[in-house]
Amino acid sequence: MAHPHQQKLKISGPVVITANRLADGVVIHRTSEGRWSENLAAAQILLTADEALAALKAAQADGLIAVGPYVARVEAAPTAKPGHSPKPGNLREKIRSHGPTFPLPSDAPVAYLPNEVGKVAA
């Protein structure tokens, strides 16, 4: 079996390089200038496996900035038009971009009084 870095990259449709910022874990995307941005709209859209592999190798060299870079599918027009930013291409990337698909318990209103667990608050 080939080492993961030696495997062929297969893509269908537009992709971006994404990772997490080493300093704080925030989701970041590789730009065409070779920098990282929190904004998916700033990400370089890659259309071929060769482009994606070259960008991924460059991203992997940024180990002091980004951790775990990988190729992520996006929904985007082949040509970048103003106001048409790419959208996450699958559920994993939607969650990474926008957070969980349901409200977290800390976001829900408290239904119980602190001293009377089990009794519904009025």
PDB file of N, CA and C in Angstrom:
ATOM      1  N   MET A   1       0.845  -1.180   0.000  1.00  0.00           N
ATOM      2  CA  MET A   1       0.000   0.000   0.000  1.00  0.00           C
ATOM      3  C   MET A   1       0.890   1.243   0.000  1.00  0.00           C
ATOM      4  N   ALA A   2       0.521   2.215  -0.800  1.00  0.00           N
ATOM      5  CA  ALA A   2       1.314   3.441  -0.933  1.00  0.00           C
ATOM      6  C   ALA A   2       1.135   4.337   0.284  1.00  0.00           C
ATOM      7  N   HIS A   3       2.188   5.059   0.588  1.00  0.00           N
ATOM      8  CA  HIS A   3       2.123   6.068   1.653  1.00  0.00           C
ATOM      9  C   HIS A   3       1.072   7.099   1.256  1.00  0.00           C
ATOM     10  N   PRO A   4       0.306   7.663   2.217  1.00  0.00           N
ATOM     11  CA  PRO A   4      -0.748   8.625   1.866  1.00  0.00           C
ATOM     12  C   PRO A   4      -0.276   9.778   0.988  1.00  0.00           C
ATOM     13  N   HIS A   5       0.966  10.228   1.151  1.00  0.00           N
ATOM     14  CA  HIS A   5       1.467  11.341   0.351  1.00  0.00           C
ATOM     15  C   HIS A   5       1.846  10.906  -1.065  1.00  0.00           C
ATOM     16  N   GLN A   6       1.920   9.583  -1.303  1.00  0.00           N
ATOM     17  CA  GLN A   6       2.277   9.081  -2.619  1.00  0.00           C
ATOM     18  C   GLN A   6       1.059   8.620  -3.411  1.00  0.00           C
ATOM     19  N   GLN A   7      -0.103   8.602  -2.782  1.00  0.00           N
ATOM     20  CA  GLN A   7      -1.311   8.176  -3.471  1.00  0.00           C
ATOM     21  C   GLN A   7      -1.738   9.224  -4.489  1.00  0.00           C
ATOM     22  N   LYS A   8      -2.418   8.763  -5.516  1.00  0.00           N
ATOM     23  CA  LYS A   8      -2.942   9.693  -6.515  1.00  0.00           C
ATOM     24  C   LYS A   8      -4.152  10.399  -5.931  1.00  0.00           C
ATOM     25  N   LEU A   9      -4.283  11.650  -6.268  1.00  0.00           N
ATOM     26  CA  LEU A   9      -5.401  12.454  -5.796  1.00  0.00           C
ATOM     27  C   LEU A   9      -6.474  12.457  -6.873  1.00  0.00           C
ATOM     28  N   LYS A  10      -7.683  12.078  -6.502  1.00  0.00           N
ATOM     29  CA  LYS A  10      -8.795  12.080  -7.448  1.00  0.00           C
ATOM     30  C   LYS A  10      -9.787  13.140  -6.998  1.00  0.00           C
ATOM     31  N   ILE A  11     -10.115  14.043  -7.890  1.00  0.00           N
ATOM     32  CA  ILE A  11     -11.112  15.060  -7.564  1.00  0.00           C
ATOM     33  C   ILE A  11     -12.143  15.118  -8.683  1.00  0.00           C
ATOM     34  N   SER A  12     -13.340  15.516  -8.319  1.00  0.00           N
ATOM     35  CA  SER A  12     -14.381  15.757  -9.321  1.00  0.00           C
ATOM     36  C   SER A  12     -15.065  17.058  -8.928  1.00  0.00           C
ATOM     37  N   GLY A  13     -14.802  18.073  -9.702  1.00  0.00           N
ATOM     38  CA  GLY A  13     -15.361  19.375  -9.388  1.00  0.00           C
ATOM     39  C   GLY A  13     -14.388  20.231  -8.606  1.00  0.00           C
ATOM     40  N   PRO A  14     -14.816  21.441  -8.280  1.00  0.00           N
ATOM     41  CA  PRO A  14     -13.922  22.385  -7.602  1.00  0.00           C
ATOM     42  C   PRO A  14     -13.612  21.972  -6.165  1.00  0.00           C
ATOM     43  N   VAL A  15     -12.371  22.236  -5.754  1.00  0.00           N
ATOM     44  CA  VAL A  15     -11.924  21.933  -4.391  1.00  0.00           C
ATOM     45  C   VAL A  15     -11.096  23.097  -3.861  1.00  0.00           C
ATOM     46  N   VAL A  16     -10.887  23.098  -2.558  1.00  0.00           N
ATOM     47  CA  VAL A  16      -9.992  24.049  -1.891  1.00  0.00           C
ATOM     48  C   VAL A  16      -9.110  23.264  -0.936  1.00  0.00           C
ATOM     49  N   ILE A  17      -8.064  23.902  -0.462  1.00  0.00           N
ATOM     50  CA  ILE A  17      -7.227  23.322   0.586  1.00  0.00           C
ATOM     51  C   ILE A  17      -7.661  23.960   1.894  1.00  0.00           C
ATOM     52  N   THR A  18      -7.982  23.129   2.867  1.00  0.00           N
ATOM     53  CA  THR A  18      -8.429  23.620   4.163  1.00  0.00           C
ATOM     54  C   THR A  18      -7.627  22.948   5.268  1.00  0.00           C
ATOM     55  N   ALA A  19      -7.575  23.583   6.423  1.00  0.00           N
ATOM     56  CA  ALA A  19      -6.831  23.067   7.574  1.00  0.00           C
ATOM     57  C   ALA A  19      -7.360  23.761   8.822  1.00  0.00           C
ATOM     58  N   ASN A  20      -6.681  23.529   9.929  1.00  0.00           N
ATOM     59  CA  ASN A  20      -6.971  24.257  11.164  1.00  0.00           C
ATOM     60  C   ASN A  20      -5.729  25.043  11.552  1.00  0.00           C
ATOM     61  N   ARG A  21      -5.943  26.266  12.013  1.00  0.00           N
ATOM     62  CA  ARG A  21      -4.820  27.101  12.444  1.00  0.00           C
ATOM     63  C   ARG A  21      -4.231  26.491  13.705  1.00  0.00           C
ATOM     64  N   LEU A  22      -2.924  26.335  13.722  1.00  0.00           N
ATOM     65  CA  LEU A  22      -2.226  25.706  14.836  1.00  0.00           C
ATOM     66  C   LEU A  22      -2.424  26.466  16.140  1.00  0.00           C
ATOM     67  N   ALA A  23      -2.436  27.779  16.090  1.00  0.00           N
ATOM     68  CA  ALA A  23      -2.502  28.595  17.304  1.00  0.00           C
ATOM     69  C   ALA A  23      -3.814  28.454  18.059  1.00  0.00           C
ATOM     70  N   ASP A  24      -4.944  28.312  17.329  1.00  0.00           N
ATOM     71  CA  ASP A  24      -6.239  28.310  18.022  1.00  0.00           C
ATOM     72  C   ASP A  24      -7.264  27.328  17.466  1.00  0.00           C
ATOM     73  N   GLY A  25      -6.915  26.559  16.444  1.00  0.00           N
ATOM     74  CA  GLY A  25      -7.820  25.550  15.908  1.00  0.00           C
ATOM     75  C   GLY A  25      -8.876  26.055  14.942  1.00  0.00           C
ATOM     76  N   VAL A  26      -8.862  27.334  14.629  1.00  0.00           N
ATOM     77  CA  VAL A  26      -9.860  27.912  13.729  1.00  0.00           C
ATOM     78  C   VAL A  26      -9.692  27.326  12.325  1.00  0.00           C
ATOM     79  N   VAL A  27     -10.811  27.095  11.632  1.00  0.00           N
ATOM     80  CA  VAL A  27     -10.792  26.597  10.258  1.00  0.00           C
ATOM     81  C   VAL A  27     -10.218  27.680   9.348  1.00  0.00           C
ATOM     82  N   ILE A  28      -9.246  27.293   8.516  1.00  0.00           N
ATOM     83  CA  ILE A  28      -8.621  28.222   7.577  1.00  0.00           C
ATOM     84  C   ILE A  28      -8.551  27.581   6.193  1.00  0.00           C
ATOM     85  N   HIS A  29      -8.423  28.428   5.170  1.00  0.00           N
ATOM     86  CA  HIS A  29      -8.389  27.983   3.780  1.00  0.00           C
ATOM     87  C   HIS A  29      -7.202  28.633   3.081  1.00  0.00           C
ATOM     88  N   ARG A  30      -6.568  27.888   2.198  1.00  0.00           N
ATOM     89  CA  ARG A  30      -5.390  28.369   1.467  1.00  0.00           C
ATOM     90  C   ARG A  30      -5.820  29.295   0.330  1.00  0.00           C
ATOM     91  N   THR A  31      -5.170  30.450   0.238  1.00  0.00           N
ATOM     92  CA  THR A  31      -5.483  31.417  -0.819  1.00  0.00           C
ATOM     93  C   THR A  31      -4.552  31.213  -2.012  1.00  0.00           C
ATOM     94  N   SER A  32      -4.856  31.869  -3.111  1.00  0.00           N
ATOM     95  CA  SER A  32      -4.006  31.755  -4.303  1.00  0.00           C
ATOM     96  C   SER A  32      -2.642  32.405  -4.095  1.00  0.00           C
ATOM     97  N   GLU A  33      -2.537  33.282  -3.086  1.00  0.00           N
ATOM     98  CA  GLU A  33      -1.250  33.913  -2.763  1.00  0.00           C
ATOM     99  C   GLU A  33      -0.401  33.047  -1.836  1.00  0.00           C
ATOM    100  N   GLY A  34      -0.905  31.871  -1.445  1.00  0.00           N
ATOM    101  CA  GLY A  34      -0.162  30.996  -0.551  1.00  0.00           C
ATOM    102  C   GLY A  34      -0.313  31.353   0.911  1.00  0.00           C
ATOM    103  N   ARG A  35      -1.280  32.185   1.223  1.00  0.00           N
ATOM    104  CA  ARG A  35      -1.561  32.550   2.616  1.00  0.00           C
ATOM    105  C   ARG A  35      -2.762  31.752   3.092  1.00  0.00           C
ATOM    106  N   TRP A  36      -3.153  31.989   4.338  1.00  0.00           N
ATOM    107  CA  TRP A  36      -4.317  31.319   4.927  1.00  0.00           C
ATOM    108  C   TRP A  36      -5.359  32.358   5.300  1.00  0.00           C
ATOM    109  N   SER A  37      -6.623  32.011   5.110  1.00  0.00           N
ATOM    110  CA  SER A  37      -7.723  32.917   5.430  1.00  0.00           C
ATOM    111  C   SER A  37      -8.836  32.144   6.125  1.00  0.00           C
ATOM    112  N   GLU A  38      -9.504  32.797   7.067  1.00  0.00           N
ATOM    113  CA  GLU A  38     -10.681  32.205   7.708  1.00  0.00           C
ATOM    114  C   GLU A  38     -11.885  32.253   6.778  1.00  0.00           C
ATOM    115  N   ASN A  39     -11.809  33.050   5.740  1.00  0.00           N
ATOM    116  CA  ASN A  39     -12.920  33.290   4.832  1.00  0.00           C
ATOM    117  C   ASN A  39     -12.858  32.326   3.644  1.00  0.00           C
ATOM    118  N   LEU A  40     -13.857  31.476   3.506  1.00  0.00           N
ATOM    119  CA  LEU A  40     -13.892  30.532   2.389  1.00  0.00           C
ATOM    120  C   LEU A  40     -13.907  31.252   1.044  1.00  0.00           C
ATOM    121  N   ALA A  41     -14.501  32.430   0.993  1.00  0.00           N
ATOM    122  CA  ALA A  41     -14.546  33.201  -0.257  1.00  0.00           C
ATOM    123  C   ALA A  41     -13.152  33.596  -0.740  1.00  0.00           C
ATOM    124  N   ALA A  42     -12.179  33.641   0.153  1.00  0.00           N
ATOM    125  CA  ALA A  42     -10.808  34.006  -0.217  1.00  0.00           C
ATOM    126  C   ALA A  42      -9.984  32.801  -0.665  1.00  0.00           C
ATOM    127  N   ALA A  43     -10.536  31.597  -0.532  1.00  0.00           N
ATOM    128  CA  ALA A  43      -9.792  30.382  -0.857  1.00  0.00           C
ATOM    129  C   ALA A  43      -9.549  30.258  -2.353  1.00  0.00           C
ATOM    130  N   GLN A  44      -8.410  29.672  -2.685  1.00  0.00           N
ATOM    131  CA  GLN A  44      -8.092  29.387  -4.080  1.00  0.00           C
ATOM    132  C   GLN A  44      -8.928  28.192  -4.528  1.00  0.00           C
ATOM    133  N   ILE A  45      -9.680  28.351  -5.607  1.00  0.00           N
ATOM    134  CA  ILE A  45     -10.481  27.263  -6.163  1.00  0.00           C
ATOM    135  C   ILE A  45      -9.595  26.472  -7.115  1.00  0.00           C
ATOM    136  N   LEU A  46      -9.497  25.182  -6.884  1.00  0.00           N
ATOM    137  CA  LEU A  46      -8.650  24.303  -7.691  1.00  0.00           C
ATOM    138  C   LEU A  46      -9.547  23.367  -8.491  1.00  0.00           C
ATOM    139  N   LEU A  47      -9.210  23.166  -9.766  1.00  0.00           N
ATOM    140  CA  LEU A  47     -10.083  22.392 -10.642  1.00  0.00           C
ATOM    141  C   LEU A  47      -9.480  21.087 -11.137  1.00  0.00           C
ATOM    142  N   THR A  48      -8.169  20.901 -10.959  1.00  0.00           N
ATOM    143  CA  THR A  48      -7.537  19.663 -11.417  1.00  0.00           C
ATOM    144  C   THR A  48      -6.801  18.997 -10.261  1.00  0.00           C
ATOM    145  N   ALA A  49      -6.581  17.703 -10.415  1.00  0.00           N
ATOM    146  CA  ALA A  49      -5.861  16.956  -9.388  1.00  0.00           C
ATOM    147  C   ALA A  49      -4.425  17.456  -9.255  1.00  0.00           C
ATOM    148  N   ASP A  50      -3.795  17.820 -10.358  1.00  0.00           N
ATOM    149  CA  ASP A  50      -2.417  18.321 -10.301  1.00  0.00           C
ATOM    150  C   ASP A  50      -2.336  19.628  -9.523  1.00  0.00           C
ATOM    151  N   GLU A  51      -3.290  20.543  -9.781  1.00  0.00           N
ATOM    152  CA  GLU A  51      -3.330  21.808  -9.033  1.00  0.00           C
ATOM    153  C   GLU A  51      -3.537  21.543  -7.542  1.00  0.00           C
ATOM    154  N   ALA A  52      -4.472  20.657  -7.244  1.00  0.00           N
ATOM    155  CA  ALA A  52      -4.801  20.366  -5.846  1.00  0.00           C
ATOM    156  C   ALA A  52      -3.619  19.718  -5.131  1.00  0.00           C
ATOM    157  N   LEU A  53      -2.941  18.801  -5.801  1.00  0.00           N
ATOM    158  CA  LEU A  53      -1.794  18.127  -5.191  1.00  0.00           C
ATOM    159  C   LEU A  53      -0.658  19.103  -4.926  1.00  0.00           C
ATOM    160  N   ALA A  54      -0.380  19.997  -5.870  1.00  0.00           N
ATOM    161  CA  ALA A  54       0.677  20.998  -5.676  1.00  0.00           C
ATOM    162  C   ALA A  54       0.328  21.936  -4.519  1.00  0.00           C
ATOM    163  N   ALA A  55      -0.922  22.374  -4.454  1.00  0.00           N
ATOM    164  CA  ALA A  55      -1.347  23.266  -3.370  1.00  0.00           C
ATOM    165  C   ALA A  55      -1.320  22.547  -2.024  1.00  0.00           C
ATOM    166  N   LEU A  56      -1.698  21.280  -2.020  1.00  0.00           N
ATOM    167  CA  LEU A  56      -1.675  20.503  -0.778  1.00  0.00           C
ATOM    168  C   LEU A  56      -0.246  20.331  -0.268  1.00  0.00           C
ATOM    169  N   LYS A  57       0.684  20.041  -1.160  1.00  0.00           N
ATOM    170  CA  LYS A  57       2.086  19.897  -0.753  1.00  0.00           C
ATOM    171  C   LYS A  57       2.629  21.204  -0.184  1.00  0.00           C
ATOM    172  N   ALA A  58       2.278  22.320  -0.805  1.00  0.00           N
ATOM    173  CA  ALA A  58       2.709  23.625  -0.290  1.00  0.00           C
ATOM    174  C   ALA A  58       2.087  23.886   1.077  1.00  0.00           C
ATOM    175  N   ALA A  59       0.829  23.516   1.245  1.00  0.00           N
ATOM    176  CA  ALA A  59       0.140  23.724   2.526  1.00  0.00           C
ATOM    177  C   ALA A  59       0.763  22.875   3.630  1.00  0.00           C
ATOM    178  N   GLN A  60       1.179  21.668   3.294  1.00  0.00           N
ATOM    179  CA  GLN A  60       1.791  20.789   4.287  1.00  0.00           C
ATOM    180  C   GLN A  60       3.118  21.343   4.790  1.00  0.00           C
ATOM    181  N   ALA A  61       3.743  22.213   4.033  1.00  0.00           N
ATOM    182  CA  ALA A  61       4.999  22.845   4.451  1.00  0.00           C
ATOM    183  C   ALA A  61       4.762  23.962   5.461  1.00  0.00           C
ATOM    184  N   ASP A  62       3.509  24.363   5.645  1.00  0.00           N
ATOM    185  CA  ASP A  62       3.159  25.423   6.601  1.00  0.00           C
ATOM    186  C   ASP A  62       2.837  24.859   7.984  1.00  0.00           C
ATOM    187  N   GLY A  63       3.593  23.892   8.436  1.00  0.00           N
ATOM    188  CA  GLY A  63       3.310  23.207   9.691  1.00  0.00           C
ATOM    189  C   GLY A  63       3.305  24.082  10.929  1.00  0.00           C
ATOM    190  N   LEU A  64       3.916  25.255  10.870  1.00  0.00           N
ATOM    191  CA  LEU A  64       3.902  26.150  12.027  1.00  0.00           C
ATOM    192  C   LEU A  64       2.683  27.065  12.025  1.00  0.00           C
ATOM    193  N   ILE A  65       1.913  27.028  10.938  1.00  0.00           N
ATOM    194  CA  ILE A  65       0.709  27.862  10.833  1.00  0.00           C
ATOM    195  C   ILE A  65      -0.544  27.003  10.807  1.00  0.00           C
ATOM    196  N   ALA A  66      -0.540  25.985   9.941  1.00  0.00           N
ATOM    197  CA  ALA A  66      -1.732  25.166   9.717  1.00  0.00           C
ATOM    198  C   ALA A  66      -1.444  23.707  10.038  1.00  0.00           C
ATOM    199  N   VAL A  67      -2.439  23.044  10.601  1.00  0.00           N
ATOM    200  CA  VAL A  67      -2.302  21.631  10.937  1.00  0.00           C
ATOM    201  C   VAL A  67      -3.377  20.836  10.190  1.00  0.00           C
ATOM    202  N   GLY A  68      -2.973  19.691   9.653  1.00  0.00           N
ATOM    203  CA  GLY A  68      -3.910  18.786   9.001  1.00  0.00           C
ATOM    204  C   GLY A  68      -4.523  19.278   7.711  1.00  0.00           C
ATOM    205  N   PRO A  69      -3.750  19.885   6.806  1.00  0.00           N
ATOM    206  CA  PRO A  69      -4.359  20.359   5.565  1.00  0.00           C
ATOM    207  C   PRO A  69      -4.866  19.195   4.717  1.00  0.00           C
ATOM    208  N   TYR A  70      -5.982  19.419   4.049  1.00  0.00           N
ATOM    209  CA  TYR A  70      -6.527  18.414   3.149  1.00  0.00           C
ATOM    210  C   TYR A  70      -7.358  19.089   2.065  1.00  0.00           C
ATOM    211  N   VAL A  71      -7.703  18.317   1.055  1.00  0.00           N
ATOM    212  CA  VAL A  71      -8.499  18.796  -0.068  1.00  0.00           C
ATOM    213  C   VAL A  71      -9.970  18.655   0.296  1.00  0.00           C
ATOM    214  N   ALA A  72     -10.723  19.737   0.137  1.00  0.00           N
ATOM    215  CA  ALA A  72     -12.150  19.723   0.456  1.00  0.00           C
ATOM    216  C   ALA A  72     -12.957  20.191  -0.751  1.00  0.00           C
ATOM    217  N   ARG A  73     -13.994  19.448  -1.061  1.00  0.00           N
ATOM    218  CA  ARG A  73     -14.870  19.804  -2.178  1.00  0.00           C
ATOM    219  C   ARG A  73     -15.695  21.032  -1.826  1.00  0.00           C
ATOM    220  N   VAL A  74     -15.905  21.887  -2.803  1.00  0.00           N
ATOM    221  CA  VAL A  74     -16.763  23.063  -2.629  1.00  0.00           C
ATOM    222  C   VAL A  74     -17.725  23.152  -3.806  1.00  0.00           C
ATOM    223  N   GLU A  75     -18.791  23.893  -3.594  1.00  0.00           N
ATOM    224  CA  GLU A  75     -19.716  24.210  -4.678  1.00  0.00           C
ATOM    225  C   GLU A  75     -19.359  25.615  -5.140  1.00  0.00           C
ATOM    226  N   ALA A  76     -18.857  25.712  -6.371  1.00  0.00           N
ATOM    227  CA  ALA A  76     -18.418  27.016  -6.880  1.00  0.00           C
ATOM    228  C   ALA A  76     -18.469  27.018  -8.394  1.00  0.00           C
ATOM    229  N   ALA A  77     -18.671  28.200  -8.946  1.00  0.00           N
ATOM    230  CA  ALA A  77     -18.601  28.364 -10.396  1.00  0.00           C
ATOM    231  C   ALA A  77     -17.134  28.273 -10.810  1.00  0.00           C
ATOM    232  N   PRO A  78     -16.838  27.740 -12.000  1.00  0.00           N
ATOM    233  CA  PRO A  78     -15.442  27.631 -12.431  1.00  0.00           C
ATOM    234  C   PRO A  78     -14.717  28.964 -12.496  1.00  0.00           C
ATOM    235  N   THR A  79     -15.439  30.029 -12.766  1.00  0.00           N
ATOM    236  CA  THR A  79     -14.813  31.350 -12.775  1.00  0.00           C
ATOM    237  C   THR A  79     -15.344  32.141 -11.601  1.00  0.00           C
ATOM    238  N   ALA A  80     -14.460  32.777 -10.894  1.00  0.00           N
ATOM    239  CA  ALA A  80     -14.862  33.550  -9.714  1.00  0.00           C
ATOM    240  C   ALA A  80     -15.565  34.825 -10.156  1.00  0.00           C
ATOM    241  N   LYS A  81     -16.769  35.006  -9.687  1.00  0.00           N
ATOM    242  CA  LYS A  81     -17.531  36.217  -9.984  1.00  0.00           C
ATOM    243  C   LYS A  81     -17.762  36.958  -8.682  1.00  0.00           C
ATOM    244  N   PRO A  82     -17.718  38.274  -8.704  1.00  0.00           N
ATOM    245  CA  PRO A  82     -17.983  39.036  -7.479  1.00  0.00           C
ATOM    246  C   PRO A  82     -19.348  38.668  -6.900  1.00  0.00           C
ATOM    247  N   GLY A  83     -19.376  38.420  -5.612  1.00  0.00           N
ATOM    248  CA  GLY A  83     -20.622  38.076  -4.939  1.00  0.00           C
ATOM    249  C   GLY A  83     -20.983  36.606  -5.004  1.00  0.00           C
ATOM    250  N   HIS A  84     -20.203  35.803  -5.713  1.00  0.00           N
ATOM    251  CA  HIS A  84     -20.463  34.370  -5.814  1.00  0.00           C
ATOM    252  C   HIS A  84     -19.349  33.603  -5.108  1.00  0.00           C
ATOM    253  N   SER A  85     -19.418  33.532  -3.813  1.00  0.00           N
ATOM    254  CA  SER A  85     -18.368  32.837  -3.074  1.00  0.00           C
ATOM    255  C   SER A  85     -18.682  31.346  -3.019  1.00  0.00           C
ATOM    256  N   PRO A  86     -17.655  30.522  -2.902  1.00  0.00           N
ATOM    257  CA  PRO A  86     -17.878  29.080  -2.827  1.00  0.00           C
ATOM    258  C   PRO A  86     -18.621  28.710  -1.550  1.00  0.00           C
ATOM    259  N   LYS A  87     -19.300  27.573  -1.622  1.00  0.00           N
ATOM    260  CA  LYS A  87     -20.018  27.050  -0.462  1.00  0.00           C
ATOM    261  C   LYS A  87     -19.435  25.685  -0.117  1.00  0.00           C
ATOM    262  N   PRO A  88     -19.466  25.295   1.151  1.00  0.00           N
ATOM    263  CA  PRO A  88     -18.965  23.971   1.518  1.00  0.00           C
ATOM    264  C   PRO A  88     -19.646  22.890   0.681  1.00  0.00           C
ATOM    265  N   GLY A  89     -18.877  21.890   0.270  1.00  0.00           N
ATOM    266  CA  GLY A  89     -19.390  20.875  -0.641  1.00  0.00           C
ATOM    267  C   GLY A  89     -19.953  19.632   0.004  1.00  0.00           C
ATOM    268  N   ASN A  90     -19.823  19.495   1.308  1.00  0.00           N
ATOM    269  CA  ASN A  90     -20.399  18.328   1.980  1.00  0.00           C
ATOM    270  C   ASN A  90     -20.725  18.690   3.429  1.00  0.00           C
ATOM    271  N   LEU A  91     -21.376  17.776   4.126  1.00  0.00           N
ATOM    272  CA  LEU A  91     -21.830  18.061   5.489  1.00  0.00           C
ATOM    273  C   LEU A  91     -20.666  18.362   6.428  1.00  0.00           C
ATOM    274  N   ARG A  92     -19.575  17.625   6.305  1.00  0.00           N
ATOM    275  CA  ARG A  92     -18.427  17.877   7.185  1.00  0.00           C
ATOM    276  C   ARG A  92     -17.952  19.326   7.060  1.00  0.00           C
ATOM    277  N   GLU A  93     -17.820  19.797   5.827  1.00  0.00           N
ATOM    278  CA  GLU A  93     -17.336  21.161   5.619  1.00  0.00           C
ATOM    279  C   GLU A  93     -18.376  22.200   6.030  1.00  0.00           C
ATOM    280  N   LYS A  94     -19.659  21.874   5.897  1.00  0.00           N
ATOM    281  CA  LYS A  94     -20.707  22.787   6.380  1.00  0.00           C
ATOM    282  C   LYS A  94     -20.607  22.944   7.893  1.00  0.00           C
ATOM    283  N   ILE A  95     -20.378  21.841   8.590  1.00  0.00           N
ATOM    284  CA  ILE A  95     -20.234  21.890  10.049  1.00  0.00           C
ATOM    285  C   ILE A  95     -18.979  22.666  10.426  1.00  0.00           C
ATOM    286  N   ARG A  96     -17.882  22.439   9.722  1.00  0.00           N
ATOM    287  CA  ARG A  96     -16.645  23.168  10.020  1.00  0.00           C
ATOM    288  C   ARG A  96     -16.815  24.663   9.777  1.00  0.00           C
ATOM    289  N   SER A  97     -17.601  25.037   8.761  1.00  0.00           N
ATOM    290  CA  SER A  97     -17.793  26.454   8.431  1.00  0.00           C
ATOM    291  C   SER A  97     -18.826  27.148   9.302  1.00  0.00           C
ATOM    292  N   HIS A  98     -19.917  26.445   9.584  1.00  0.00           N
ATOM    293  CA  HIS A  98     -21.052  27.095  10.243  1.00  0.00           C
ATOM    294  C   HIS A  98     -21.363  26.567  11.635  1.00  0.00           C
ATOM    295  N   GLY A  99     -20.680  25.526  12.080  1.00  0.00           N
ATOM    296  CA  GLY A  99     -20.962  24.962  13.391  1.00  0.00           C
ATOM    297  C   GLY A  99     -21.958  23.813  13.306  1.00  0.00           C
ATOM    298  N   PRO A 100     -22.330  23.252  14.453  1.00  0.00           N
ATOM    299  CA  PRO A 100     -23.225  22.090  14.492  1.00  0.00           C
ATOM    300  C   PRO A 100     -24.555  22.351  13.784  1.00  0.00           C
ATOM    301  N   THR A 101     -25.206  21.265  13.381  1.00  0.00           N
ATOM    302  CA  THR A 101     -26.475  21.363  12.668  1.00  0.00           C
ATOM    303  C   THR A 101     -27.669  21.456  13.612  1.00  0.00           C
ATOM    304  N   PHE A 102     -27.414  21.492  14.910  1.00  0.00           N
ATOM    305  CA  PHE A 102     -28.484  21.611  15.903  1.00  0.00           C
ATOM    306  C   PHE A 102     -27.999  22.518  17.022  1.00  0.00           C
ATOM    307  N   PRO A 103     -28.922  23.133  17.772  1.00  0.00           N
ATOM    308  CA  PRO A 103     -28.481  24.007  18.864  1.00  0.00           C
ATOM    309  C   PRO A 103     -27.798  23.198  19.969  1.00  0.00           C
ATOM    310  N   LEU A 104     -26.723  23.716  20.473  1.00  0.00           N
ATOM    311  CA  LEU A 104     -26.027  23.052  21.573  1.00  0.00           C
ATOM    312  C   LEU A 104     -26.769  23.299  22.877  1.00  0.00           C
ATOM    313  N   PRO A 105     -26.650  22.396  23.859  1.00  0.00           N
ATOM    314  CA  PRO A 105     -27.355  22.576  25.132  1.00  0.00           C
ATOM    315  C   PRO A 105     -27.069  23.918  25.796  1.00  0.00           C
ATOM    316  N   SER A 106     -25.872  24.443  25.646  1.00  0.00           N
ATOM    317  CA  SER A 106     -25.549  25.722  26.275  1.00  0.00           C
ATOM    318  C   SER A 106     -26.302  26.876  25.618  1.00  0.00           C
ATOM    319  N   ASP A 107     -26.802  26.656  24.391  1.00  0.00           N
ATOM    320  CA  ASP A 107     -27.563  27.681  23.690  1.00  0.00           C
ATOM    321  C   ASP A 107     -29.052  27.641  24.036  1.00  0.00           C
ATOM    322  N   ALA A 108     -29.488  26.536  24.650  1.00  0.00           N
ATOM    323  CA  ALA A 108     -30.908  26.373  24.966  1.00  0.00           C
ATOM    324  C   ALA A 108     -31.253  27.123  26.247  1.00  0.00           C
ATOM    325  N   PRO A 109     -32.472  27.644  26.343  1.00  0.00           N
ATOM    326  CA  PRO A 109     -32.868  28.306  27.591  1.00  0.00           C
ATOM    327  C   PRO A 109     -32.925  27.300  28.737  1.00  0.00           C
ATOM    328  N   VAL A 110     -32.574  27.737  29.920  1.00  0.00           N
ATOM    329  CA  VAL A 110     -32.584  26.866  31.095  1.00  0.00           C
ATOM    330  C   VAL A 110     -34.025  26.666  31.541  1.00  0.00           C
ATOM    331  N   ALA A 111     -34.438  25.399  31.685  1.00  0.00           N
ATOM    332  CA  ALA A 111     -35.824  25.095  32.047  1.00  0.00           C
ATOM    333  C   ALA A 111     -35.993  24.814  33.533  1.00  0.00           C
ATOM    334  N   TYR A 112     -34.887  24.738  34.281  1.00  0.00           N
ATOM    335  CA  TYR A 112     -34.981  24.394  35.703  1.00  0.00           C
ATOM    336  C   TYR A 112     -34.346  25.478  36.557  1.00  0.00           C
ATOM    337  N   LEU A 113     -34.892  25.653  37.742  1.00  0.00           N
ATOM    338  CA  LEU A 113     -34.284  26.565  38.709  1.00  0.00           C
ATOM    339  C   LEU A 113     -33.052  25.885  39.280  1.00  0.00           C
ATOM    340  N   PRO A 114     -31.986  26.607  39.582  1.00  0.00           N
ATOM    341  CA  PRO A 114     -30.750  25.989  40.059  1.00  0.00           C
ATOM    342  C   PRO A 114     -30.929  25.163  41.330  1.00  0.00           C
ATOM    343  N   ASN A 115     -31.796  25.564  42.255  1.00  0.00           N
ATOM    344  CA  ASN A 115     -31.948  24.858  43.529  1.00  0.00           C
ATOM    345  C   ASN A 115     -33.002  23.762  43.480  1.00  0.00           C
ATOM    346  N   GLU A 116     -33.740  23.693  42.410  1.00  0.00           N
ATOM    347  CA  GLU A 116     -34.858  22.759  42.363  1.00  0.00           C
ATOM    348  C   GLU A 116     -34.785  21.910  41.102  1.00  0.00           C
ATOM    349  N   VAL A 117     -33.736  21.121  40.982  1.00  0.00           N
ATOM    350  CA  VAL A 117     -33.566  20.259  39.826  1.00  0.00           C
ATOM    351  C   VAL A 117     -34.735  19.287  39.775  1.00  0.00           C
ATOM    352  N   GLY A 118     -35.310  19.140  38.619  1.00  0.00           N
ATOM    353  CA  GLY A 118     -36.441  18.239  38.452  1.00  0.00           C
ATOM    354  C   GLY A 118     -37.773  18.956  38.436  1.00  0.00           C
ATOM    355  N   LYS A 119     -37.825  20.193  38.893  1.00  0.00           N
ATOM    356  CA  LYS A 119     -39.062  20.971  38.858  1.00  0.00           C
ATOM    357  C   LYS A 119     -38.953  21.984  37.727  1.00  0.00           C
ATOM    358  N   VAL A 120     -39.986  22.075  36.937  1.00  0.00           N
ATOM    359  CA  VAL A 120     -39.980  22.997  35.804  1.00  0.00           C
ATOM    360  C   VAL A 120     -40.117  24.422  36.301  1.00  0.00           C
ATOM    361  N   ALA A 121     -39.281  25.299  35.755  1.00  0.00           N
ATOM    362  CA  ALA A 121     -39.347  26.717  36.131  1.00  0.00           C
ATOM    363  C   ALA A 121     -40.571  27.356  35.504  1.00  0.00           C
ATOM    364  N   ALA A 122     -41.149  28.285  36.213  1.00  0.00           N
ATOM    365  CA  ALA A 122     -42.355  28.958  35.708  1.00  0.00           C
ATOM    366  C   ALA A 122     -41.997  30.033  34.726  1.00  0.00           C
TER     367      ALA A 122
END
